[in-house]
Amino acid sequence: MNQPGVAVCDGGWQAIGMAGSASLQIDFDGASAKLVGNCGDYLARPGFWQGGAGVAACWWGGARALAGALRRALPPGGAGQHPFRAAALGKVDLALAQTAALLREAATWIDQHPGHDASAVATRVRLSAEATARTVLDEVGRALGATPFCRDAGFARMAADLPVFVRQSHGDKDFAFLSGQVAVGASPGEEQPWTL
């Protein structure tokens, strides 16, 4: 990293979301490098996919924090006065509960199989957490309007950070990857999919 062909630039990050992450841009121009592994080694290294599942828990936590604003805006017994907020809270609760259950299941599997390939488990829980984050962002925003975005600094920061954070997902590429894992069969120690 200390060669003329490597330049660290601090002006590359333009996003409002995750602005506090201190992300830097590194430009390589004619720099020499040493091959440290084979193709695929980065994703296959021990712990990589387990860490990816941990990131999903962070996404879920961000979504939960935003959902709290909606929950606080609907007092007990207030569903009759605010039916659309109540419906939004129901959708948010379902999404958070589904992903929380999947996160707990993934954590249990990872703890019981620390050396196994966790790619399917991690991809599944990441896709679920991403969908939950999108649901929460949409439902909370529609139910509460601009007020929390404009008057609550913590909410506004999380609402800007979370969409950038979940873009670590690869969208349909991740769904295609998951389908390949499911088609091959369950990971060692994992139950067959879709059983109770």
N, C-alpha and C. Protein backbone atom coordinates (compact mmCIF):
# COMPACT_ATOMS: atom_id res chain seq x y z
N MET A 1 0.82 -1.19 0.00
CA MET A 1 0.00 0.00 0.00
C MET A 1 0.87 1.26 0.00
N ASN A 2 2.13 1.11 0.27
CA ASN A 2 3.03 2.27 0.29
C ASN A 2 3.86 2.34 -0.99
N GLN A 3 3.19 2.30 -2.12
CA GLN A 3 3.90 2.41 -3.39
C GLN A 3 3.27 3.52 -4.22
N PRO A 4 3.98 4.04 -5.17
CA PRO A 4 3.50 5.18 -5.94
C PRO A 4 2.18 4.94 -6.67
N GLY A 5 1.85 3.70 -7.02
CA GLY A 5 0.63 3.42 -7.76
C GLY A 5 -0.61 3.31 -6.90
N VAL A 6 -0.51 3.60 -5.61
CA VAL A 6 -1.65 3.50 -4.69
C VAL A 6 -1.95 4.87 -4.12
N ALA A 7 -3.19 5.31 -4.30
CA ALA A 7 -3.60 6.62 -3.78
C ALA A 7 -4.87 6.47 -2.96
N VAL A 8 -4.85 6.95 -1.73
CA VAL A 8 -6.03 6.94 -0.86
C VAL A 8 -6.71 8.29 -0.99
N CYS A 9 -7.99 8.25 -1.36
CA CYS A 9 -8.77 9.48 -1.57
C CYS A 9 -9.90 9.52 -0.56
N ASP A 10 -10.09 10.64 0.08
CA ASP A 10 -11.18 10.73 1.05
C ASP A 10 -12.43 11.39 0.48
N GLY A 11 -12.46 11.72 -0.78
CA GLY A 11 -13.62 12.39 -1.36
C GLY A 11 -14.53 11.49 -2.16
N GLY A 12 -14.29 10.17 -2.16
CA GLY A 12 -15.08 9.28 -2.98
C GLY A 12 -16.48 9.02 -2.46
N TRP A 13 -16.66 9.03 -1.15
CA TRP A 13 -17.95 8.70 -0.54
C TRP A 13 -18.84 9.93 -0.58
N GLN A 14 -19.89 9.88 -1.39
CA GLN A 14 -20.79 11.01 -1.53
C GLN A 14 -22.16 10.78 -0.90
N ALA A 15 -22.42 9.58 -0.44
CA ALA A 15 -23.74 9.25 0.10
C ALA A 15 -23.99 9.95 1.42
N ILE A 16 -25.23 10.36 1.63
CA ILE A 16 -25.66 10.87 2.93
C ILE A 16 -25.75 9.69 3.90
N GLY A 17 -26.33 8.58 3.42
CA GLY A 17 -26.42 7.38 4.23
C GLY A 17 -25.05 6.83 4.53
N MET A 18 -24.84 6.43 5.76
CA MET A 18 -23.58 5.87 6.26
C MET A 18 -22.41 6.82 6.09
N ALA A 19 -22.70 8.11 6.09
CA ALA A 19 -21.63 9.10 5.97
C ALA A 19 -20.63 8.99 7.11
N GLY A 20 -21.08 8.53 8.26
CA GLY A 20 -20.21 8.38 9.42
C GLY A 20 -19.33 7.14 9.38
N SER A 21 -19.40 6.37 8.31
CA SER A 21 -18.63 5.12 8.25
C SER A 21 -17.16 5.34 7.92
N ALA A 22 -16.79 6.56 7.61
CA ALA A 22 -15.39 6.90 7.27
C ALA A 22 -14.85 6.03 6.14
N SER A 23 -15.70 5.77 5.14
CA SER A 23 -15.29 4.98 3.98
C SER A 23 -14.36 5.80 3.10
N LEU A 24 -13.35 5.15 2.60
CA LEU A 24 -12.37 5.80 1.74
C LEU A 24 -12.33 5.11 0.39
N GLN A 25 -11.84 5.81 -0.58
CA GLN A 25 -11.63 5.25 -1.91
C GLN A 25 -10.14 5.04 -2.09
N ILE A 26 -9.76 3.90 -2.63
CA ILE A 26 -8.35 3.64 -2.93
C ILE A 26 -8.23 3.40 -4.42
N ASP A 27 -7.40 4.19 -5.06
CA ASP A 27 -7.15 4.07 -6.50
C ASP A 27 -5.83 3.34 -6.71
N PHE A 28 -5.86 2.38 -7.62
CA PHE A 28 -4.66 1.63 -7.99
C PHE A 28 -4.33 1.93 -9.45
N ASP A 29 -3.12 2.38 -9.70
CA ASP A 29 -2.69 2.70 -11.07
C ASP A 29 -1.27 2.17 -11.26
N GLY A 30 -1.19 0.99 -11.85
CA GLY A 30 0.12 0.38 -12.07
C GLY A 30 0.75 -0.18 -10.81
N ALA A 31 -0.03 -0.37 -9.77
CA ALA A 31 0.50 -0.92 -8.53
C ALA A 31 0.76 -2.41 -8.69
N SER A 32 1.77 -2.90 -8.02
CA SER A 32 2.03 -4.34 -8.04
C SER A 32 1.27 -5.00 -6.90
N ALA A 33 0.91 -6.25 -7.11
CA ALA A 33 0.16 -6.99 -6.09
C ALA A 33 0.65 -8.42 -6.05
N LYS A 34 0.40 -9.07 -4.94
CA LYS A 34 0.79 -10.47 -4.77
C LYS A 34 -0.49 -11.29 -4.64
N LEU A 35 -0.62 -12.33 -5.43
CA LEU A 35 -1.77 -13.23 -5.36
C LEU A 35 -1.71 -13.99 -4.03
N VAL A 36 -2.79 -13.90 -3.26
CA VAL A 36 -2.80 -14.54 -1.95
C VAL A 36 -3.73 -15.75 -1.89
N GLY A 37 -4.37 -16.07 -2.99
CA GLY A 37 -5.27 -17.22 -2.99
C GLY A 37 -5.78 -17.49 -4.39
N ASN A 38 -6.61 -18.50 -4.47
CA ASN A 38 -7.20 -18.88 -5.75
C ASN A 38 -8.57 -18.25 -5.91
N CYS A 39 -9.09 -18.34 -7.11
CA CYS A 39 -10.43 -17.84 -7.40
C CYS A 39 -11.43 -18.53 -6.46
N GLY A 40 -12.26 -17.75 -5.79
CA GLY A 40 -13.25 -18.30 -4.88
C GLY A 40 -12.80 -18.42 -3.45
N ASP A 41 -11.51 -18.25 -3.18
CA ASP A 41 -11.01 -18.41 -1.81
C ASP A 41 -11.58 -17.38 -0.85
N TYR A 42 -11.83 -16.18 -1.33
CA TYR A 42 -12.34 -15.12 -0.46
C TYR A 42 -13.69 -15.53 0.14
N LEU A 43 -14.59 -16.04 -0.70
CA LEU A 43 -15.91 -16.45 -0.21
C LEU A 43 -15.86 -17.76 0.55
N ALA A 44 -14.87 -18.59 0.27
CA ALA A 44 -14.79 -19.91 0.89
C ALA A 44 -14.02 -19.91 2.21
N ARG A 45 -13.45 -18.79 2.59
CA ARG A 45 -12.62 -18.79 3.80
C ARG A 45 -13.50 -19.01 5.04
N PRO A 46 -12.96 -19.67 6.05
CA PRO A 46 -13.74 -19.97 7.25
C PRO A 46 -14.30 -18.69 7.88
N GLY A 47 -15.58 -18.75 8.20
CA GLY A 47 -16.23 -17.64 8.88
C GLY A 47 -16.84 -16.58 7.99
N PHE A 48 -16.54 -16.61 6.69
CA PHE A 48 -17.05 -15.56 5.81
C PHE A 48 -18.58 -15.51 5.82
N TRP A 49 -19.21 -16.64 5.57
CA TRP A 49 -20.67 -16.64 5.48
C TRP A 49 -21.32 -16.45 6.85
N GLN A 50 -20.67 -16.94 7.89
CA GLN A 50 -21.20 -16.72 9.24
C GLN A 50 -21.24 -15.22 9.53
N GLY A 51 -20.20 -14.50 9.12
CA GLY A 51 -20.18 -13.05 9.28
C GLY A 51 -21.26 -12.38 8.46
N GLY A 52 -21.53 -12.92 7.29
CA GLY A 52 -22.60 -12.37 6.45
C GLY A 52 -23.96 -12.48 7.11
N ALA A 53 -24.17 -13.57 7.85
CA ALA A 53 -25.42 -13.71 8.60
C ALA A 53 -25.47 -12.68 9.72
N GLY A 54 -24.33 -12.38 10.32
CA GLY A 54 -24.28 -11.35 11.36
C GLY A 54 -24.65 -9.98 10.83
N VAL A 55 -24.27 -9.69 9.61
CA VAL A 55 -24.64 -8.42 8.99
C VAL A 55 -26.16 -8.34 8.85
N ALA A 56 -26.80 -9.46 8.54
CA ALA A 56 -28.27 -9.47 8.43
C ALA A 56 -28.91 -9.07 9.76
N ALA A 57 -28.31 -9.49 10.86
CA ALA A 57 -28.84 -9.10 12.17
C ALA A 57 -28.72 -7.59 12.37
N CYS A 58 -27.66 -6.99 11.85
CA CYS A 58 -27.51 -5.53 11.92
C CYS A 58 -28.59 -4.84 11.10
N TRP A 59 -28.86 -5.35 9.91
CA TRP A 59 -29.93 -4.77 9.08
C TRP A 59 -31.26 -4.85 9.81
N TRP A 60 -31.52 -6.02 10.42
CA TRP A 60 -32.76 -6.21 11.17
C TRP A 60 -32.84 -5.20 12.32
N GLY A 61 -31.73 -4.99 13.01
CA GLY A 61 -31.71 -4.03 14.12
C GLY A 61 -32.02 -2.62 13.66
N GLY A 62 -31.51 -2.23 12.50
CA GLY A 62 -31.83 -0.91 11.95
C GLY A 62 -33.31 -0.80 11.63
N ALA A 63 -33.87 -1.85 11.04
CA ALA A 63 -35.30 -1.85 10.72
C ALA A 63 -36.14 -1.78 12.00
N ARG A 64 -35.72 -2.52 13.01
CA ARG A 64 -36.44 -2.51 14.29
C ARG A 64 -36.43 -1.11 14.90
N ALA A 65 -35.31 -0.43 14.82
CA ALA A 65 -35.23 0.92 15.37
C ALA A 65 -36.21 1.85 14.67
N LEU A 66 -36.30 1.77 13.36
CA LEU A 66 -37.25 2.61 12.63
C LEU A 66 -38.69 2.23 12.96
N ALA A 67 -38.94 0.94 13.12
CA ALA A 67 -40.29 0.48 13.44
C ALA A 67 -40.75 1.02 14.79
N GLY A 68 -39.81 1.26 15.69
CA GLY A 68 -40.17 1.80 17.00
C GLY A 68 -40.89 3.13 16.90
N ALA A 69 -40.55 3.94 15.92
CA ALA A 69 -41.24 5.23 15.76
C ALA A 69 -42.70 5.01 15.42
N LEU A 70 -42.99 4.03 14.59
CA LEU A 70 -44.38 3.74 14.24
C LEU A 70 -45.12 3.18 15.44
N ARG A 71 -44.48 2.31 16.19
CA ARG A 71 -45.12 1.74 17.37
C ARG A 71 -45.46 2.83 18.39
N ARG A 72 -44.54 3.76 18.58
CA ARG A 72 -44.80 4.85 19.53
C ARG A 72 -45.89 5.79 19.03
N ALA A 73 -46.06 5.89 17.73
CA ALA A 73 -47.07 6.79 17.17
C ALA A 73 -48.48 6.20 17.22
N LEU A 74 -48.59 4.95 17.60
CA LEU A 74 -49.90 4.30 17.68
C LEU A 74 -50.11 3.84 19.11
N PRO A 75 -50.74 4.66 19.93
CA PRO A 75 -50.92 4.30 21.34
C PRO A 75 -51.82 3.07 21.47
N PRO A 76 -51.71 2.36 22.60
CA PRO A 76 -52.60 1.21 22.82
C PRO A 76 -54.05 1.63 22.64
N GLY A 77 -54.79 0.84 21.91
CA GLY A 77 -56.19 1.16 21.65
C GLY A 77 -56.38 2.21 20.56
N GLY A 78 -55.31 2.65 19.94
CA GLY A 78 -55.41 3.70 18.93
C GLY A 78 -55.66 3.21 17.52
N ALA A 79 -55.82 1.90 17.35
CA ALA A 79 -56.00 1.36 16.00
C ALA A 79 -57.27 1.90 15.34
N GLY A 80 -58.32 2.09 16.13
CA GLY A 80 -59.57 2.59 15.57
C GLY A 80 -59.45 4.02 15.08
N GLN A 81 -58.63 4.81 15.75
CA GLN A 81 -58.44 6.21 15.35
C GLN A 81 -57.46 6.34 14.19
N HIS A 82 -56.56 5.39 14.04
CA HIS A 82 -55.53 5.44 13.01
C HIS A 82 -55.44 4.08 12.30
N PRO A 83 -56.47 3.71 11.53
CA PRO A 83 -56.48 2.37 10.94
C PRO A 83 -55.32 2.12 9.96
N PHE A 84 -54.89 3.15 9.25
CA PHE A 84 -53.80 2.94 8.30
C PHE A 84 -52.46 2.76 9.01
N ARG A 85 -52.28 3.50 10.10
CA ARG A 85 -51.07 3.29 10.90
C ARG A 85 -51.10 1.90 11.53
N ALA A 86 -52.28 1.49 11.97
CA ALA A 86 -52.41 0.16 12.57
C ALA A 86 -52.08 -0.93 11.55
N ALA A 87 -52.57 -0.78 10.33
CA ALA A 87 -52.27 -1.76 9.29
C ALA A 87 -50.77 -1.78 9.00
N ALA A 88 -50.16 -0.61 8.94
CA ALA A 88 -48.72 -0.54 8.69
C ALA A 88 -47.95 -1.23 9.81
N LEU A 89 -48.37 -1.01 11.06
CA LEU A 89 -47.69 -1.64 12.19
C LEU A 89 -47.84 -3.16 12.12
N GLY A 90 -49.00 -3.63 11.70
CA GLY A 90 -49.19 -5.07 11.53
C GLY A 90 -48.24 -5.65 10.50
N LYS A 91 -48.08 -4.96 9.37
CA LYS A 91 -47.16 -5.43 8.32
C LYS A 91 -45.72 -5.42 8.81
N VAL A 92 -45.37 -4.37 9.53
CA VAL A 92 -44.01 -4.24 10.07
C VAL A 92 -43.74 -5.33 11.11
N ASP A 93 -44.72 -5.57 11.98
CA ASP A 93 -44.56 -6.61 12.99
C ASP A 93 -44.33 -7.97 12.35
N LEU A 94 -45.13 -8.29 11.34
CA LEU A 94 -44.99 -9.58 10.66
C LEU A 94 -43.61 -9.73 10.03
N ALA A 95 -43.16 -8.70 9.33
CA ALA A 95 -41.85 -8.76 8.67
C ALA A 95 -40.73 -8.92 9.70
N LEU A 96 -40.77 -8.13 10.76
CA LEU A 96 -39.73 -8.22 11.79
C LEU A 96 -39.74 -9.58 12.49
N ALA A 97 -40.93 -10.09 12.79
CA ALA A 97 -41.04 -11.37 13.48
C ALA A 97 -40.53 -12.51 12.60
N GLN A 98 -40.88 -12.48 11.32
CA GLN A 98 -40.41 -13.54 10.41
C GLN A 98 -38.89 -13.56 10.32
N THR A 99 -38.31 -12.39 10.14
CA THR A 99 -36.85 -12.34 10.02
C THR A 99 -36.17 -12.67 11.34
N ALA A 100 -36.76 -12.24 12.45
CA ALA A 100 -36.18 -12.57 13.76
C ALA A 100 -36.15 -14.09 13.96
N ALA A 101 -37.22 -14.77 13.57
CA ALA A 101 -37.25 -16.23 13.69
C ALA A 101 -36.17 -16.87 12.82
N LEU A 102 -36.01 -16.37 11.63
CA LEU A 102 -34.99 -16.90 10.72
C LEU A 102 -33.58 -16.60 11.24
N LEU A 103 -33.39 -15.42 11.83
CA LEU A 103 -32.09 -15.09 12.43
C LEU A 103 -31.76 -16.03 13.58
N ARG A 104 -32.74 -16.31 14.44
CA ARG A 104 -32.51 -17.23 15.55
C ARG A 104 -32.18 -18.63 15.03
N GLU A 105 -32.91 -19.07 14.02
CA GLU A 105 -32.66 -20.38 13.42
C GLU A 105 -31.25 -20.44 12.81
N ALA A 106 -30.88 -19.38 12.11
CA ALA A 106 -29.55 -19.33 11.50
C ALA A 106 -28.46 -19.33 12.57
N ALA A 107 -28.66 -18.57 13.63
CA ALA A 107 -27.67 -18.51 14.71
C ALA A 107 -27.49 -19.88 15.36
N THR A 108 -28.58 -20.58 15.58
CA THR A 108 -28.51 -21.91 16.17
C THR A 108 -27.75 -22.86 15.25
N TRP A 109 -28.08 -22.82 13.95
CA TRP A 109 -27.40 -23.71 13.00
C TRP A 109 -25.90 -23.39 12.94
N ILE A 110 -25.57 -22.12 12.89
CA ILE A 110 -24.15 -21.72 12.82
C ILE A 110 -23.41 -22.15 14.08
N ASP A 111 -24.03 -21.97 15.24
CA ASP A 111 -23.38 -22.40 16.49
C ASP A 111 -23.16 -23.91 16.52
N GLN A 112 -24.10 -24.66 15.96
CA GLN A 112 -23.99 -26.12 15.97
C GLN A 112 -23.06 -26.66 14.87
N HIS A 113 -22.80 -25.83 13.85
CA HIS A 113 -21.99 -26.28 12.70
C HIS A 113 -20.97 -25.20 12.33
N PRO A 114 -20.08 -24.84 13.24
CA PRO A 114 -19.20 -23.70 12.98
C PRO A 114 -18.26 -23.88 11.79
N GLY A 115 -17.94 -25.10 11.43
CA GLY A 115 -17.01 -25.31 10.33
C GLY A 115 -17.66 -25.62 9.00
N HIS A 116 -18.98 -25.68 8.95
CA HIS A 116 -19.68 -26.04 7.72
C HIS A 116 -19.90 -24.82 6.83
N ASP A 117 -20.21 -25.11 5.58
CA ASP A 117 -20.56 -24.07 4.61
C ASP A 117 -21.89 -23.44 5.01
N ALA A 118 -21.87 -22.19 5.38
CA ALA A 118 -23.08 -21.49 5.82
C ALA A 118 -23.64 -20.58 4.73
N SER A 119 -23.24 -20.80 3.49
CA SER A 119 -23.64 -19.87 2.43
C SER A 119 -25.15 -19.82 2.22
N ALA A 120 -25.82 -20.97 2.23
CA ALA A 120 -27.27 -20.97 2.03
C ALA A 120 -27.98 -20.33 3.22
N VAL A 121 -27.57 -20.70 4.41
CA VAL A 121 -28.17 -20.15 5.63
C VAL A 121 -28.00 -18.63 5.67
N ALA A 122 -26.80 -18.17 5.39
CA ALA A 122 -26.52 -16.73 5.44
C ALA A 122 -27.25 -15.98 4.33
N THR A 123 -27.26 -16.52 3.13
CA THR A 123 -27.93 -15.83 2.03
C THR A 123 -29.42 -15.74 2.29
N ARG A 124 -30.01 -16.81 2.79
CA ARG A 124 -31.45 -16.80 3.09
C ARG A 124 -31.78 -15.72 4.12
N VAL A 125 -31.02 -15.66 5.19
CA VAL A 125 -31.33 -14.70 6.26
C VAL A 125 -31.02 -13.27 5.81
N ARG A 126 -30.02 -13.09 4.96
CA ARG A 126 -29.72 -11.75 4.43
C ARG A 126 -30.85 -11.27 3.53
N LEU A 127 -31.35 -12.15 2.68
CA LEU A 127 -32.46 -11.76 1.80
C LEU A 127 -33.70 -11.42 2.61
N SER A 128 -33.96 -12.18 3.65
CA SER A 128 -35.10 -11.89 4.51
C SER A 128 -34.94 -10.55 5.22
N ALA A 129 -33.75 -10.30 5.75
CA ALA A 129 -33.50 -9.03 6.45
C ALA A 129 -33.58 -7.85 5.50
N GLU A 130 -33.10 -8.02 4.28
CA GLU A 130 -33.20 -6.94 3.30
C GLU A 130 -34.67 -6.64 2.99
N ALA A 131 -35.47 -7.68 2.77
CA ALA A 131 -36.90 -7.48 2.49
C ALA A 131 -37.59 -6.81 3.67
N THR A 132 -37.23 -7.21 4.87
CA THR A 132 -37.81 -6.59 6.07
C THR A 132 -37.43 -5.12 6.15
N ALA A 133 -36.19 -4.80 5.89
CA ALA A 133 -35.76 -3.40 5.93
C ALA A 133 -36.55 -2.57 4.93
N ARG A 134 -36.74 -3.10 3.73
CA ARG A 134 -37.50 -2.36 2.71
C ARG A 134 -38.95 -2.19 3.14
N THR A 135 -39.54 -3.24 3.70
CA THR A 135 -40.92 -3.16 4.17
C THR A 135 -41.05 -2.10 5.26
N VAL A 136 -40.16 -2.14 6.23
CA VAL A 136 -40.22 -1.19 7.34
C VAL A 136 -40.03 0.24 6.83
N LEU A 137 -39.03 0.47 6.01
CA LEU A 137 -38.81 1.82 5.47
C LEU A 137 -40.04 2.33 4.75
N ASP A 138 -40.65 1.49 3.94
CA ASP A 138 -41.82 1.90 3.17
C ASP A 138 -43.04 2.12 4.06
N GLU A 139 -43.34 1.16 4.91
CA GLU A 139 -44.55 1.26 5.74
C GLU A 139 -44.46 2.38 6.77
N VAL A 140 -43.32 2.51 7.41
CA VAL A 140 -43.17 3.57 8.41
C VAL A 140 -43.25 4.94 7.74
N GLY A 141 -42.58 5.08 6.61
CA GLY A 141 -42.63 6.35 5.89
C GLY A 141 -44.03 6.72 5.44
N ARG A 142 -44.76 5.75 4.91
CA ARG A 142 -46.13 6.02 4.46
C ARG A 142 -47.05 6.33 5.63
N ALA A 143 -46.87 5.62 6.74
CA ALA A 143 -47.77 5.80 7.88
C ALA A 143 -47.52 7.09 8.64
N LEU A 144 -46.26 7.51 8.73
CA LEU A 144 -45.92 8.67 9.56
C LEU A 144 -45.64 9.94 8.76
N GLY A 145 -45.48 9.81 7.45
CA GLY A 145 -45.19 10.98 6.64
C GLY A 145 -43.79 11.51 6.90
N ALA A 146 -43.60 12.77 6.61
CA ALA A 146 -42.27 13.38 6.68
C ALA A 146 -41.81 13.73 8.09
N THR A 147 -42.73 13.77 9.04
CA THR A 147 -42.40 14.28 10.38
C THR A 147 -41.16 13.63 11.00
N PRO A 148 -41.07 12.30 11.13
CA PRO A 148 -39.88 11.76 11.79
C PRO A 148 -38.60 11.96 10.97
N PHE A 149 -38.74 12.03 9.65
CA PHE A 149 -37.57 12.27 8.80
C PHE A 149 -37.02 13.69 9.02
N CYS A 150 -37.92 14.61 9.36
CA CYS A 150 -37.53 16.02 9.50
C CYS A 150 -37.28 16.45 10.94
N ARG A 151 -37.88 15.77 11.92
CA ARG A 151 -37.82 16.25 13.29
C ARG A 151 -37.09 15.33 14.26
N ASP A 152 -36.75 14.15 13.82
CA ASP A 152 -36.08 13.19 14.70
C ASP A 152 -34.74 12.82 14.07
N ALA A 153 -33.66 13.37 14.62
CA ALA A 153 -32.34 13.19 14.02
C ALA A 153 -31.92 11.73 13.96
N GLY A 154 -32.20 10.98 15.02
CA GLY A 154 -31.84 9.56 15.03
C GLY A 154 -32.60 8.78 13.98
N PHE A 155 -33.89 9.05 13.88
CA PHE A 155 -34.70 8.38 12.86
C PHE A 155 -34.20 8.74 11.46
N ALA A 156 -33.97 10.03 11.23
CA ALA A 156 -33.54 10.49 9.91
C ALA A 156 -32.20 9.87 9.52
N ARG A 157 -31.29 9.77 10.47
CA ARG A 157 -29.99 9.18 10.19
C ARG A 157 -30.14 7.70 9.85
N MET A 158 -30.95 6.98 10.63
CA MET A 158 -31.15 5.55 10.37
C MET A 158 -31.87 5.34 9.04
N ALA A 159 -32.84 6.21 8.74
CA ALA A 159 -33.58 6.10 7.48
C ALA A 159 -32.69 6.38 6.28
N ALA A 160 -31.63 7.15 6.47
CA ALA A 160 -30.66 7.39 5.39
C ALA A 160 -29.61 6.27 5.35
N ASP A 161 -29.20 5.78 6.52
CA ASP A 161 -28.15 4.76 6.58
C ASP A 161 -28.62 3.39 6.09
N LEU A 162 -29.83 2.99 6.50
CA LEU A 162 -30.27 1.61 6.25
C LEU A 162 -30.34 1.25 4.77
N PRO A 163 -30.89 2.09 3.89
CA PRO A 163 -30.91 1.71 2.47
C PRO A 163 -29.51 1.52 1.88
N VAL A 164 -28.56 2.31 2.33
CA VAL A 164 -27.19 2.16 1.83
C VAL A 164 -26.59 0.86 2.38
N PHE A 165 -26.82 0.59 3.66
CA PHE A 165 -26.27 -0.60 4.31
C PHE A 165 -26.79 -1.88 3.64
N VAL A 166 -28.10 -1.95 3.38
CA VAL A 166 -28.65 -3.18 2.80
C VAL A 166 -28.26 -3.36 1.33
N ARG A 167 -27.69 -2.35 0.73
CA ARG A 167 -27.23 -2.51 -0.65
C ARG A 167 -25.97 -3.37 -0.72
N GLN A 168 -25.48 -3.83 0.43
CA GLN A 168 -24.45 -4.85 0.43
C GLN A 168 -25.02 -6.17 -0.08
N SER A 169 -26.33 -6.22 -0.15
CA SER A 169 -27.00 -7.36 -0.78
C SER A 169 -26.80 -7.23 -2.29
N HIS A 170 -26.95 -8.34 -2.98
CA HIS A 170 -26.77 -8.32 -4.44
C HIS A 170 -28.07 -8.61 -5.17
N GLY A 171 -29.21 -8.36 -4.50
CA GLY A 171 -30.51 -8.47 -5.14
C GLY A 171 -30.77 -9.83 -5.75
N ASP A 172 -31.18 -9.81 -7.01
CA ASP A 172 -31.56 -11.05 -7.69
C ASP A 172 -30.39 -12.02 -7.83
N LYS A 173 -29.18 -11.52 -7.86
CA LYS A 173 -28.01 -12.41 -7.91
C LYS A 173 -27.99 -13.30 -6.67
N ASP A 174 -28.36 -12.73 -5.50
CA ASP A 174 -28.41 -13.52 -4.28
C ASP A 174 -29.54 -14.55 -4.33
N PHE A 175 -30.69 -14.17 -4.90
CA PHE A 175 -31.78 -15.14 -5.04
C PHE A 175 -31.35 -16.29 -5.95
N ALA A 176 -30.67 -15.98 -7.05
CA ALA A 176 -30.19 -17.02 -7.96
C ALA A 176 -29.17 -17.92 -7.26
N PHE A 177 -28.27 -17.32 -6.46
CA PHE A 177 -27.30 -18.11 -5.71
C PHE A 177 -28.01 -19.04 -4.74
N LEU A 178 -29.00 -18.51 -4.01
CA LEU A 178 -29.74 -19.32 -3.05
C LEU A 178 -30.44 -20.47 -3.74
N SER A 179 -31.03 -20.22 -4.90
CA SER A 179 -31.71 -21.30 -5.61
C SER A 179 -30.73 -22.41 -5.98
N GLY A 180 -29.52 -22.03 -6.36
CA GLY A 180 -28.51 -23.04 -6.66
C GLY A 180 -28.16 -23.87 -5.45
N GLN A 181 -28.10 -23.24 -4.28
CA GLN A 181 -27.80 -23.96 -3.04
C GLN A 181 -28.95 -24.89 -2.68
N VAL A 182 -30.17 -24.42 -2.84
CA VAL A 182 -31.34 -25.23 -2.50
C VAL A 182 -31.47 -26.42 -3.45
N ALA A 183 -31.18 -26.20 -4.73
CA ALA A 183 -31.28 -27.26 -5.73
C ALA A 183 -30.27 -28.38 -5.45
N VAL A 184 -29.10 -28.01 -4.92
CA VAL A 184 -28.06 -29.00 -4.61
C VAL A 184 -28.48 -29.85 -3.41
N GLY A 185 -29.17 -29.26 -2.48
CA GLY A 185 -29.58 -29.97 -1.28
C GLY A 185 -29.14 -29.23 -0.04
N ALA A 186 -29.58 -29.70 1.08
CA ALA A 186 -29.29 -29.04 2.35
C ALA A 186 -27.81 -29.10 2.67
N SER A 187 -27.34 -28.07 3.39
CA SER A 187 -25.98 -28.08 3.90
C SER A 187 -25.85 -29.20 4.92
N PRO A 188 -24.65 -29.73 5.13
CA PRO A 188 -24.48 -30.78 6.14
C PRO A 188 -25.03 -30.31 7.49
N GLY A 189 -25.84 -31.14 8.09
CA GLY A 189 -26.41 -30.80 9.39
C GLY A 189 -27.66 -29.96 9.31
N GLU A 190 -28.00 -29.48 8.11
CA GLU A 190 -29.20 -28.65 7.95
C GLU A 190 -30.36 -29.55 7.53
N GLU A 191 -31.52 -29.29 8.09
CA GLU A 191 -32.70 -30.04 7.69
C GLU A 191 -33.04 -29.71 6.24
N GLN A 192 -33.76 -30.61 5.62
CA GLN A 192 -34.23 -30.33 4.27
C GLN A 192 -35.09 -29.07 4.33
N PRO A 193 -35.03 -28.25 3.28
CA PRO A 193 -35.81 -27.01 3.30
C PRO A 193 -37.31 -27.27 3.38
N TRP A 194 -37.97 -26.34 3.95
CA TRP A 194 -39.44 -26.29 3.98
C TRP A 194 -40.06 -27.40 4.81
N THR A 195 -39.42 -27.75 5.90
CA THR A 195 -40.00 -28.72 6.82
C THR A 195 -40.31 -28.01 8.13
N LEU A 196 -41.18 -28.60 8.89
CA LEU A 196 -41.51 -28.06 10.21
C LEU A 196 -40.94 -28.96 11.29
